[in-house]
ModelCIF file with pLDDT and N, C-alpha, C, O atoms, coordinates in Angstrom:
data_MODEL
#
_entry.id   MODEL 
#
_entity.id                         1 
_entity.type                       polymer 
_entity.pdbx_number_of_molecules   1 
#
_entity_poly.entity_id                      1 
_entity_poly.type                           'polypeptide(L)' 
_entity_poly.nstd_linkage                   no 
_entity_poly.nstd_monomer                   no 
_entity_poly.pdbx_seq_one_letter_code       RFAISRGNAENTVYLQMNSLKPEDTAVYYCQ 
_entity_poly.pdbx_seq_one_letter_code_can   RFAISRGNAENTVYLQMNSLKPEDTAVYYCQ 
_entity_poly.pdbx_strand_id                 A 
#
loop_
_entity_poly_seq.entity_id 
_entity_poly_seq.num 
_entity_poly_seq.mon_id 
_entity_poly_seq.hetero 
1 1  ARG n 
1 2  PHE n 
1 3  ALA n 
1 4  ILE n 
1 5  SER n 
1 6  ARG n 
1 7  GLY n 
1 8  ASN n 
1 9  ALA n 
1 10 GLU n 
1 11 ASN n 
1 12 THR n 
1 13 VAL n 
1 14 TYR n 
1 15 LEU n 
1 16 GLN n 
1 17 MET n 
1 18 ASN n 
1 19 SER n 
1 20 LEU n 
1 21 LYS n 
1 22 PRO n 
1 23 GLU n 
1 24 ASP n 
1 25 THR n 
1 26 ALA n 
1 27 VAL n 
1 28 TYR n 
1 29 TYR n 
1 30 CYS n 
1 31 GLN n 
#
_struct_asym.id          A 
_struct_asym.entity_id   1 
#
loop_
_ma_qa_metric.id 
_ma_qa_metric.mode 
_ma_qa_metric.name 
_ma_qa_metric.software_group_id 
_ma_qa_metric.type 
1 global pLDDT . pLDDT 
2 local  pLDDT . pLDDT 
#
_ma_qa_metric_global.metric_id      1 
_ma_qa_metric_global.metric_value   95.13 
_ma_qa_metric_global.model_id       1 
_ma_qa_metric_global.ordinal_id     1 
#
loop_
_ma_qa_metric_local.label_asym_id 
_ma_qa_metric_local.label_comp_id 
_ma_qa_metric_local.label_seq_id 
_ma_qa_metric_local.metric_id 
_ma_qa_metric_local.metric_value 
_ma_qa_metric_local.model_id 
_ma_qa_metric_local.ordinal_id 
A ARG 1  2 98.00 1 1  
A PHE 2  2 98.00 1 2  
A ALA 3  2 98.00 1 3  
A ILE 4  2 97.00 1 4  
A SER 5  2 95.00 1 5  
A ARG 6  2 91.00 1 6  
A GLY 7  2 87.00 1 7  
A ASN 8  2 83.00 1 8  
A ALA 9  2 82.00 1 9  
A GLU 10 2 83.00 1 10 
A ASN 11 2 90.00 1 11 
A THR 12 2 93.00 1 12 
A VAL 13 2 95.00 1 13 
A TYR 14 2 97.00 1 14 
A LEU 15 2 98.00 1 15 
A GLN 16 2 98.00 1 16 
A MET 17 2 98.00 1 17 
A ASN 18 2 98.00 1 18 
A SER 19 2 98.00 1 19 
A LEU 20 2 98.00 1 20 
A LYS 21 2 98.00 1 21 
A PRO 22 2 97.00 1 22 
A GLU 23 2 97.00 1 23 
A ASP 24 2 98.00 1 24 
A THR 25 2 98.00 1 25 
A ALA 26 2 98.00 1 26 
A VAL 27 2 98.00 1 27 
A TYR 28 2 98.00 1 28 
A TYR 29 2 98.00 1 29 
A CYS 30 2 97.00 1 30 
A GLN 31 2 97.00 1 31 
#
loop_
_atom_site.group_PDB 
_atom_site.id 
_atom_site.type_symbol 
_atom_site.label_atom_id 
_atom_site.label_alt_id 
_atom_site.label_comp_id 
_atom_site.label_asym_id 
_atom_site.label_entity_id 
_atom_site.label_seq_id 
_atom_site.pdbx_PDB_ins_code 
_atom_site.Cartn_x 
_atom_site.Cartn_y 
_atom_site.Cartn_z 
_atom_site.occupancy 
_atom_site.B_iso_or_equiv 
_atom_site.pdbx_formal_charge 
_atom_site.auth_seq_id 
_atom_site.auth_comp_id 
_atom_site.auth_asym_id 
_atom_site.auth_atom_id 
_atom_site.pdbx_PDB_model_num 
ATOM 1   N N  . ARG A 1 1  ? 121.648 105.768 101.912 1.00 98.00 ? 1  ARG A N  1 
ATOM 2   C CA . ARG A 1 1  ? 121.137 105.712 100.791 1.00 98.00 ? 1  ARG A CA 1 
ATOM 3   C C  . ARG A 1 1  ? 119.782 106.481 100.831 1.00 98.00 ? 1  ARG A C  1 
ATOM 4   O O  . ARG A 1 1  ? 119.406 107.094 99.832  1.00 98.00 ? 1  ARG A O  1 
ATOM 5   N N  . PHE A 1 2  ? 118.983 106.453 102.076 1.00 98.00 ? 2  PHE A N  1 
ATOM 6   C CA . PHE A 1 2  ? 117.920 106.846 102.190 1.00 98.00 ? 2  PHE A CA 1 
ATOM 7   C C  . PHE A 1 2  ? 117.772 108.148 103.147 1.00 98.00 ? 2  PHE A C  1 
ATOM 8   O O  . PHE A 1 2  ? 118.648 108.394 103.976 1.00 98.00 ? 2  PHE A O  1 
ATOM 9   N N  . ALA A 1 3  ? 116.685 108.929 103.006 1.00 98.00 ? 3  ALA A N  1 
ATOM 10  C CA . ALA A 1 3  ? 116.692 110.191 103.714 1.00 98.00 ? 3  ALA A CA 1 
ATOM 11  C C  . ALA A 1 3  ? 115.274 110.323 104.270 1.00 98.00 ? 3  ALA A C  1 
ATOM 12  O O  . ALA A 1 3  ? 114.340 109.848 103.623 1.00 98.00 ? 3  ALA A O  1 
ATOM 13  N N  . ILE A 1 4  ? 115.060 110.957 105.462 1.00 97.00 ? 4  ILE A N  1 
ATOM 14  C CA . ILE A 1 4  ? 113.796 110.999 105.888 1.00 97.00 ? 4  ILE A CA 1 
ATOM 15  C C  . ILE A 1 4  ? 113.698 112.466 106.054 1.00 97.00 ? 4  ILE A C  1 
ATOM 16  O O  . ILE A 1 4  ? 114.731 112.971 106.493 1.00 97.00 ? 4  ILE A O  1 
ATOM 17  N N  . SER A 1 5  ? 112.773 113.236 105.828 1.00 95.00 ? 5  SER A N  1 
ATOM 18  C CA . SER A 1 5  ? 112.586 114.674 105.857 1.00 95.00 ? 5  SER A CA 1 
ATOM 19  C C  . SER A 1 5  ? 110.996 114.861 106.271 1.00 95.00 ? 5  SER A C  1 
ATOM 20  O O  . SER A 1 5  ? 110.212 113.912 106.274 1.00 95.00 ? 5  SER A O  1 
ATOM 21  N N  . ARG A 1 6  ? 110.656 116.107 106.591 1.00 91.00 ? 6  ARG A N  1 
ATOM 22  C CA . ARG A 1 6  ? 109.253 116.663 107.130 1.00 91.00 ? 6  ARG A CA 1 
ATOM 23  C C  . ARG A 1 6  ? 109.048 117.767 105.851 1.00 91.00 ? 6  ARG A C  1 
ATOM 24  O O  . ARG A 1 6  ? 109.857 118.527 105.319 1.00 91.00 ? 6  ARG A O  1 
ATOM 25  N N  . GLY A 1 7  ? 107.926 117.571 105.653 1.00 87.00 ? 7  GLY A N  1 
ATOM 26  C CA . GLY A 1 7  ? 107.346 118.942 104.676 1.00 87.00 ? 7  GLY A CA 1 
ATOM 27  C C  . GLY A 1 7  ? 107.124 120.300 105.672 1.00 87.00 ? 7  GLY A C  1 
ATOM 28  O O  . GLY A 1 7  ? 106.967 120.246 106.892 1.00 87.00 ? 7  GLY A O  1 
ATOM 29  N N  . ASN A 1 8  ? 107.149 121.385 104.941 1.00 83.00 ? 8  ASN A N  1 
ATOM 30  C CA . ASN A 1 8  ? 106.258 122.727 105.604 1.00 83.00 ? 8  ASN A CA 1 
ATOM 31  C C  . ASN A 1 8  ? 105.345 122.571 106.531 1.00 83.00 ? 8  ASN A C  1 
ATOM 32  O O  . ASN A 1 8  ? 105.351 123.280 107.537 1.00 83.00 ? 8  ASN A O  1 
ATOM 33  N N  . ALA A 1 9  ? 104.497 121.686 106.336 1.00 82.00 ? 9  ALA A N  1 
ATOM 34  C CA . ALA A 1 9  ? 103.432 121.310 107.259 1.00 82.00 ? 9  ALA A CA 1 
ATOM 35  C C  . ALA A 1 9  ? 103.956 120.089 108.195 1.00 82.00 ? 9  ALA A C  1 
ATOM 36  O O  . ALA A 1 9  ? 104.587 119.122 107.769 1.00 82.00 ? 9  ALA A O  1 
ATOM 37  N N  . GLU A 1 10 ? 103.576 120.312 109.565 1.00 83.00 ? 10 GLU A N  1 
ATOM 38  C CA . GLU A 1 10 ? 104.014 119.123 110.564 1.00 83.00 ? 10 GLU A CA 1 
ATOM 39  C C  . GLU A 1 10 ? 103.571 117.689 110.092 1.00 83.00 ? 10 GLU A C  1 
ATOM 40  O O  . GLU A 1 10 ? 104.226 116.673 110.323 1.00 83.00 ? 10 GLU A O  1 
ATOM 41  N N  . ASN A 1 11 ? 102.390 117.726 109.410 1.00 90.00 ? 11 ASN A N  1 
ATOM 42  C CA . ASN A 1 11 ? 101.513 116.643 109.137 1.00 90.00 ? 11 ASN A CA 1 
ATOM 43  C C  . ASN A 1 11 ? 102.056 115.789 108.093 1.00 90.00 ? 11 ASN A C  1 
ATOM 44  O O  . ASN A 1 11 ? 101.387 114.813 107.753 1.00 90.00 ? 11 ASN A O  1 
ATOM 45  N N  . THR A 1 12 ? 103.410 116.067 107.421 1.00 93.00 ? 12 THR A N  1 
ATOM 46  C CA . THR A 1 12 ? 103.777 115.611 105.788 1.00 93.00 ? 12 THR A CA 1 
ATOM 47  C C  . THR A 1 12 ? 105.244 115.031 106.360 1.00 93.00 ? 12 THR A C  1 
ATOM 48  O O  . THR A 1 12 ? 105.943 115.699 107.122 1.00 93.00 ? 12 THR A O  1 
ATOM 49  N N  . VAL A 1 13 ? 105.551 113.910 105.962 1.00 95.00 ? 13 VAL A N  1 
ATOM 50  C CA . VAL A 1 13 ? 106.802 113.130 105.881 1.00 95.00 ? 13 VAL A CA 1 
ATOM 51  C C  . VAL A 1 13 ? 107.119 112.761 104.503 1.00 95.00 ? 13 VAL A C  1 
ATOM 52  O O  . VAL A 1 13 ? 106.233 112.743 103.648 1.00 95.00 ? 13 VAL A O  1 
ATOM 53  N N  . TYR A 1 14 ? 108.520 112.420 104.201 1.00 97.00 ? 14 TYR A N  1 
ATOM 54  C CA . TYR A 1 14 ? 108.906 112.017 102.859 1.00 97.00 ? 14 TYR A CA 1 
ATOM 55  C C  . TYR A 1 14 ? 110.100 111.207 103.260 1.00 97.00 ? 14 TYR A C  1 
ATOM 56  O O  . TYR A 1 14 ? 110.852 111.639 104.134 1.00 97.00 ? 14 TYR A O  1 
ATOM 57  N N  . LEU A 1 15 ? 110.365 109.806 102.545 1.00 98.00 ? 15 LEU A N  1 
ATOM 58  C CA . LEU A 1 15 ? 111.234 109.434 102.415 1.00 98.00 ? 15 LEU A CA 1 
ATOM 59  C C  . LEU A 1 15 ? 111.718 108.940 101.007 1.00 98.00 ? 15 LEU A C  1 
ATOM 60  O O  . LEU A 1 15 ? 111.187 108.137 100.240 1.00 98.00 ? 15 LEU A O  1 
ATOM 61  N N  . GLN A 1 16 ? 112.939 109.691 100.886 1.00 98.00 ? 16 GLN A N  1 
ATOM 62  C CA . GLN A 1 16 ? 113.626 109.818 99.585  1.00 98.00 ? 16 GLN A CA 1 
ATOM 63  C C  . GLN A 1 16 ? 114.650 108.771 99.372  1.00 98.00 ? 16 GLN A C  1 
ATOM 64  O O  . GLN A 1 16 ? 115.742 108.948 99.911  1.00 98.00 ? 16 GLN A O  1 
ATOM 65  N N  . MET A 1 17 ? 114.441 107.631 98.615  1.00 98.00 ? 17 MET A N  1 
ATOM 66  C CA . MET A 1 17 ? 115.415 106.488 98.418  1.00 98.00 ? 17 MET A CA 1 
ATOM 67  C C  . MET A 1 17 ? 115.835 106.563 97.369  1.00 98.00 ? 17 MET A C  1 
ATOM 68  O O  . MET A 1 17 ? 115.190 106.713 96.331  1.00 98.00 ? 17 MET A O  1 
ATOM 69  N N  . ASN A 1 18 ? 117.389 106.436 97.542  1.00 98.00 ? 18 ASN A N  1 
ATOM 70  C CA . ASN A 1 18 ? 118.395 106.381 96.480  1.00 98.00 ? 18 ASN A CA 1 
ATOM 71  C C  . ASN A 1 18 ? 119.092 105.064 96.218  1.00 98.00 ? 18 ASN A C  1 
ATOM 72  O O  . ASN A 1 18 ? 118.773 104.132 96.957  1.00 98.00 ? 18 ASN A O  1 
ATOM 73  N N  . SER A 1 19 ? 120.012 104.844 95.260  1.00 98.00 ? 19 SER A N  1 
ATOM 74  C CA . SER A 1 19 ? 120.533 103.713 95.268  1.00 98.00 ? 19 SER A CA 1 
ATOM 75  C C  . SER A 1 19 ? 119.940 102.625 95.514  1.00 98.00 ? 19 SER A C  1 
ATOM 76  O O  . SER A 1 19 ? 120.624 101.811 96.134  1.00 98.00 ? 19 SER A O  1 
ATOM 77  N N  . LEU A 1 20 ? 118.647 102.241 95.182  1.00 98.00 ? 20 LEU A N  1 
ATOM 78  C CA . LEU A 1 20 ? 117.845 101.323 95.536  1.00 98.00 ? 20 LEU A CA 1 
ATOM 79  C C  . LEU A 1 20 ? 118.317 99.940  95.015  1.00 98.00 ? 20 LEU A C  1 
ATOM 80  O O  . LEU A 1 20 ? 118.724 99.712  93.876  1.00 98.00 ? 20 LEU A O  1 
ATOM 81  N N  . LYS A 1 21 ? 118.195 99.039  96.052  1.00 98.00 ? 21 LYS A N  1 
ATOM 82  C CA . LYS A 1 21 ? 118.536 97.563  95.678  1.00 98.00 ? 21 LYS A CA 1 
ATOM 83  C C  . LYS A 1 21 ? 117.268 96.513  95.441  1.00 98.00 ? 21 LYS A C  1 
ATOM 84  O O  . LYS A 1 21 ? 116.137 96.750  95.865  1.00 98.00 ? 21 LYS A O  1 
ATOM 85  N N  . PRO A 1 22 ? 117.575 95.499  94.810  1.00 97.00 ? 22 PRO A N  1 
ATOM 86  C CA . PRO A 1 22 ? 116.103 94.383  94.751  1.00 97.00 ? 22 PRO A CA 1 
ATOM 87  C C  . PRO A 1 22 ? 115.773 94.155  96.290  1.00 97.00 ? 22 PRO A C  1 
ATOM 88  O O  . PRO A 1 22 ? 114.617 94.015  96.690  1.00 97.00 ? 22 PRO A O  1 
ATOM 89  N N  . GLU A 1 23 ? 116.788 94.130  97.043  1.00 97.00 ? 23 GLU A N  1 
ATOM 90  C CA . GLU A 1 23 ? 116.009 93.746  98.641  1.00 97.00 ? 23 GLU A CA 1 
ATOM 91  C C  . GLU A 1 23 ? 115.283 94.877  99.346  1.00 97.00 ? 23 GLU A C  1 
ATOM 92  O O  . GLU A 1 23 ? 114.683 94.771  100.416 1.00 97.00 ? 23 GLU A O  1 
ATOM 93  N N  . ASP A 1 24 ? 115.404 95.889  98.666  1.00 98.00 ? 24 ASP A N  1 
ATOM 94  C CA . ASP A 1 24 ? 114.337 97.017  99.035  1.00 98.00 ? 24 ASP A CA 1 
ATOM 95  C C  . ASP A 1 24 ? 113.254 97.007  98.769  1.00 98.00 ? 24 ASP A C  1 
ATOM 96  O O  . ASP A 1 24 ? 112.516 97.935  99.099  1.00 98.00 ? 24 ASP A O  1 
ATOM 97  N N  . THR A 1 25 ? 112.677 95.572  97.844  1.00 98.00 ? 25 THR A N  1 
ATOM 98  C CA . THR A 1 25 ? 111.264 95.491  97.266  1.00 98.00 ? 25 THR A CA 1 
ATOM 99  C C  . THR A 1 25 ? 110.536 95.312  98.400  1.00 98.00 ? 25 THR A C  1 
ATOM 100 O O  . THR A 1 25 ? 110.971 94.451  99.165  1.00 98.00 ? 25 THR A O  1 
ATOM 101 N N  . ALA A 1 26 ? 109.311 96.028  98.793  1.00 98.00 ? 26 ALA A N  1 
ATOM 102 C CA . ALA A 1 26 ? 108.610 95.845  99.734  1.00 98.00 ? 26 ALA A CA 1 
ATOM 103 C C  . ALA A 1 26 ? 107.233 96.461  99.622  1.00 98.00 ? 26 ALA A C  1 
ATOM 104 O O  . ALA A 1 26 ? 106.834 96.950  98.565  1.00 98.00 ? 26 ALA A O  1 
ATOM 105 N N  . VAL A 1 27 ? 106.403 96.424  100.903 1.00 98.00 ? 27 VAL A N  1 
ATOM 106 C CA . VAL A 1 27 ? 105.140 97.589  100.909 1.00 98.00 ? 27 VAL A CA 1 
ATOM 107 C C  . VAL A 1 27 ? 105.645 98.283  101.921 1.00 98.00 ? 27 VAL A C  1 
ATOM 108 O O  . VAL A 1 27 ? 105.949 97.666  102.941 1.00 98.00 ? 27 VAL A O  1 
ATOM 109 N N  . TYR A 1 28 ? 105.835 99.684  101.850 1.00 98.00 ? 28 TYR A N  1 
ATOM 110 C CA . TYR A 1 28 ? 106.053 100.586 102.307 1.00 98.00 ? 28 TYR A CA 1 
ATOM 111 C C  . TYR A 1 28 ? 105.309 101.421 103.213 1.00 98.00 ? 28 TYR A C  1 
ATOM 112 O O  . TYR A 1 28 ? 104.958 102.449 102.635 1.00 98.00 ? 28 TYR A O  1 
ATOM 113 N N  . TYR A 1 29 ? 104.827 101.357 104.755 1.00 98.00 ? 29 TYR A N  1 
ATOM 114 C CA . TYR A 1 29 ? 103.975 101.984 105.379 1.00 98.00 ? 29 TYR A CA 1 
ATOM 115 C C  . TYR A 1 29 ? 104.402 102.998 106.181 1.00 98.00 ? 29 TYR A C  1 
ATOM 116 O O  . TYR A 1 29 ? 105.385 102.887 106.914 1.00 98.00 ? 29 TYR A O  1 
ATOM 117 N N  . CYS A 1 30 ? 103.523 104.288 106.067 1.00 97.00 ? 30 CYS A N  1 
ATOM 118 C CA . CYS A 1 30 ? 103.630 105.110 106.896 1.00 97.00 ? 30 CYS A CA 1 
ATOM 119 C C  . CYS A 1 30 ? 103.237 104.960 108.357 1.00 97.00 ? 30 CYS A C  1 
ATOM 120 O O  . CYS A 1 30 ? 102.147 104.455 108.628 1.00 97.00 ? 30 CYS A O  1 
ATOM 121 N N  . GLN A 1 31 ? 104.057 105.366 109.303 1.00 97.00 ? 31 GLN A N  1 
ATOM 122 C CA . GLN A 1 31 ? 103.368 105.323 110.676 1.00 97.00 ? 31 GLN A CA 1 
ATOM 123 C C  . GLN A 1 31 ? 103.620 106.598 111.597 1.00 97.00 ? 31 GLN A C  1 
ATOM 124 O O  . GLN A 1 31 ? 103.113 106.661 112.717 1.00 97.00 ? 31 GLN A O  1 
#
């Protein structure tokens, strides 16, 4: 359901979240 990827710049990351469910509700933190 989710996919992580990096941008063209090394300092950027993305999280694509599909088919979201109520149990995905949360505060999301980048690390």
